[in-house]
Amino acid sequence: MRAVLTATVVASALALSAHAPIAGGAQGPGDTAGAQPSQCFNIRQVRSFSPGRPDQVFLRVGSRDVYELSTDGDCPDVDFATGLVMVPDTAGLVGSRLCTDDWARISTPGRTQRAICRAQIRDKLTAAQVAALPAAHRP
C-alpha cells in the first residue's frame, strides 16, 4: 500500500511540475535557447476579460496580471459577452491551472446558446505591454 501511495504522489508531483516555471533561466528538456519559462494561473483568479482583434482575448488575472489568448478562429459573441467560462482543453490536466502555450475552451453565455471556441494562452504581458494596449482592449 505504501509503495502504491508513494508512486501516486511522485506521479502527481511530476504531472504538476510539467507546467512549473523553470527558475533562473535554466533550460528544461526540449526548451530552445532564449525561451521564456511558462507563466501559469488558476482559472478562478480571472477577474475580467476584454476582446482584442477578432482572434484575441485579454484576461485580467488577480489584481495586476494580464494574459493574452489567441483564439482558434473567430470566437463568436466575445465582443458582447458579459461573462466568460474557461475550461482546460487537455485531458488529464488536474484542476483549473493554465499555463502559456496551453489550450482552453471558452464559452460565452448567449441569449439562446453558448458559443464555444478554443484559445491558446499566448503570453503574460509585462506592465509596459499592458500600458501600450488600446484602452478598449485592456481588461
Protein backbone atom coordinates (compact mmCIF):
# COMPACT_ATOMS: atom_id res chain seq x y z
CA MET A 1 0.00 0.00 0.00
CA ARG A 2 2.80 2.43 0.90
CA ALA A 3 4.61 1.79 -2.42
CA VAL A 4 1.40 2.50 -4.37
CA LEU A 5 0.80 5.74 -2.39
CA THR A 6 4.41 6.85 -2.94
CA ALA A 7 4.19 6.10 -6.67
CA THR A 8 0.94 8.08 -6.87
CA VAL A 9 2.46 11.07 -5.04
CA VAL A 10 5.56 11.01 -7.29
CA ALA A 11 3.43 10.72 -10.44
CA SER A 12 1.24 13.62 -9.27
CA ALA A 13 4.28 15.76 -8.49
CA LEU A 14 5.76 15.05 -11.92
CA ALA A 15 2.47 15.90 -13.63
CA LEU A 16 2.18 19.19 -11.75
CA SER A 17 5.83 20.12 -12.29
CA ALA A 18 5.45 19.74 -16.05
CA HIS A 19 3.89 23.22 -16.09
CA ALA A 20 6.02 24.79 -13.36
CA PRO A 21 8.22 27.73 -14.35
CA ILE A 22 11.93 26.94 -14.63
CA ALA A 23 13.84 29.06 -12.13
CA GLY A 24 16.91 31.05 -13.01
CA GLY A 25 16.50 30.75 -16.76
CA ALA A 26 17.61 27.09 -16.74
CA GLN A 27 16.67 25.16 -19.84
CA GLY A 28 14.47 22.10 -19.46
CA PRO A 29 14.18 19.17 -21.85
CA GLY A 30 13.02 20.30 -25.27
CA ASP A 31 13.47 24.01 -24.49
CA THR A 32 15.10 26.20 -27.05
CA ALA A 33 17.70 28.83 -26.25
CA GLY A 34 16.10 32.06 -25.10
CA ALA A 35 12.67 30.53 -24.48
CA GLN A 36 10.67 32.12 -21.69
CA PRO A 37 9.54 29.91 -18.80
CA SER A 38 5.84 29.09 -18.63
CA GLN A 39 3.64 31.52 -16.75
CA CYS A 40 0.63 29.91 -15.08
CA PHE A 41 -2.60 30.97 -13.41
CA ASN A 42 -5.66 29.40 -11.86
CA ILE A 43 -8.88 29.96 -13.80
CA ARG A 44 -10.60 31.04 -10.56
CA GLN A 45 -8.21 34.03 -10.43
CA VAL A 46 -9.57 35.54 -13.69
CA ARG A 47 -11.31 38.82 -12.77
CA SER A 48 -12.25 40.26 -16.17
CA PHE A 49 -11.67 39.92 -19.89
CA SER A 50 -11.64 42.09 -22.97
CA PRO A 51 -11.57 41.21 -26.66
CA GLY A 52 -8.72 42.47 -28.82
CA ARG A 53 -8.61 41.62 -32.52
CA PRO A 54 -11.22 39.07 -33.71
CA ASP A 55 -8.83 36.23 -32.78
CA GLN A 56 -7.60 37.68 -29.48
CA VAL A 57 -8.81 37.93 -25.87
CA PHE A 58 -7.10 39.54 -22.89
CA LEU A 59 -7.65 38.27 -19.34
CA ARG A 60 -7.11 40.17 -16.07
CA VAL A 61 -5.80 37.61 -13.60
CA GLY A 62 -5.69 38.69 -9.98
CA SER A 63 -5.19 42.39 -9.43
CA ARG A 64 -2.38 43.12 -11.89
CA ASP A 65 -1.57 40.27 -14.30
CA VAL A 66 -2.83 40.30 -17.90
CA TYR A 67 -2.64 37.31 -20.23
CA GLU A 68 -3.13 37.29 -23.99
CA LEU A 69 -5.14 34.46 -25.55
CA SER A 70 -5.20 33.66 -29.24
CA THR A 71 -8.45 32.05 -30.35
CA ASP A 72 -8.68 29.33 -32.95
CA GLY A 73 -10.52 31.48 -35.48
CA ASP A 74 -13.24 33.95 -34.60
CA CYS A 75 -14.75 33.48 -31.14
CA PRO A 76 -18.43 34.39 -31.61
CA ASP A 77 -20.02 36.94 -29.31
CA VAL A 78 -16.90 37.66 -27.20
CA ASP A 79 -17.28 41.35 -28.14
CA PHE A 80 -20.70 41.47 -26.48
CA ALA A 81 -20.36 38.81 -23.79
CA THR A 82 -20.97 39.73 -20.17
CA GLY A 83 -19.36 36.54 -18.92
CA LEU A 84 -16.73 34.05 -19.93
CA VAL A 85 -16.25 30.41 -18.92
CA MET A 86 -12.88 28.70 -19.42
CA VAL A 87 -12.10 25.00 -19.21
CA PRO A 88 -8.69 23.41 -19.87
CA ASP A 89 -8.75 21.71 -23.27
CA THR A 90 -6.26 18.97 -22.43
CA ALA A 91 -7.46 15.72 -20.95
CA GLY A 92 -5.63 14.85 -17.78
CA LEU A 93 -4.98 18.40 -16.58
CA VAL A 94 -5.54 18.43 -12.87
CA GLY A 95 -7.67 21.26 -11.52
CA SER A 96 -8.06 24.54 -13.29
CA ARG A 97 -4.47 25.68 -13.82
CA LEU A 98 -3.48 27.01 -17.24
CA CYS A 99 -0.02 27.98 -18.45
CA THR A 100 1.36 29.72 -21.52
CA ASP A 101 1.01 27.51 -24.61
CA ASP A 102 -1.89 25.55 -23.03
CA TRP A 103 -5.25 25.36 -24.84
CA ALA A 104 -8.63 26.06 -23.25
CA ARG A 105 -12.24 26.09 -24.35
CA ILE A 106 -14.07 29.38 -23.95
CA SER A 107 -17.83 29.57 -23.57
CA THR A 108 -19.69 32.85 -23.77
CA PRO A 109 -23.23 32.76 -22.41
CA GLY A 110 -25.64 33.94 -25.10
CA ARG A 111 -29.37 34.55 -25.14
CA THR A 112 -30.21 31.20 -26.71
CA GLN A 113 -26.96 29.26 -26.74
CA ARG A 114 -23.40 29.21 -25.50
CA ALA A 115 -20.83 29.91 -28.18
CA ILE A 116 -17.73 27.78 -27.75
CA CYS A 117 -14.27 28.27 -29.20
CA ARG A 118 -10.72 27.19 -28.44
CA ALA A 119 -7.99 29.56 -27.31
CA GLN A 120 -4.30 29.21 -26.58
CA ILE A 121 -2.72 31.07 -23.68
CA ARG A 122 -0.03 33.00 -25.53
CA ASP A 123 1.72 35.27 -23.08
CA LYS A 124 1.69 37.01 -19.74
CA LEU A 125 2.06 40.67 -20.64
CA THR A 126 4.52 42.99 -18.97
CA ALA A 127 3.32 46.23 -17.36
CA ALA A 128 4.66 48.14 -20.39
CA GLN A 129 2.77 45.87 -22.82
CA VAL A 130 -0.46 46.34 -20.83
CA ALA A 131 0.03 50.13 -20.84
CA ALA A 132 0.57 50.04 -24.62
CA LEU A 133 -2.75 48.25 -25.26
CA PRO A 134 -5.57 50.39 -26.61
CA ALA A 135 -7.92 51.27 -23.74
CA ALA A 136 -10.72 49.20 -25.29
CA HIS A 137 -8.53 46.07 -25.16
CA ARG A 138 -7.43 46.41 -21.52
CA PRO A 139 -9.36 44.11 -19.18
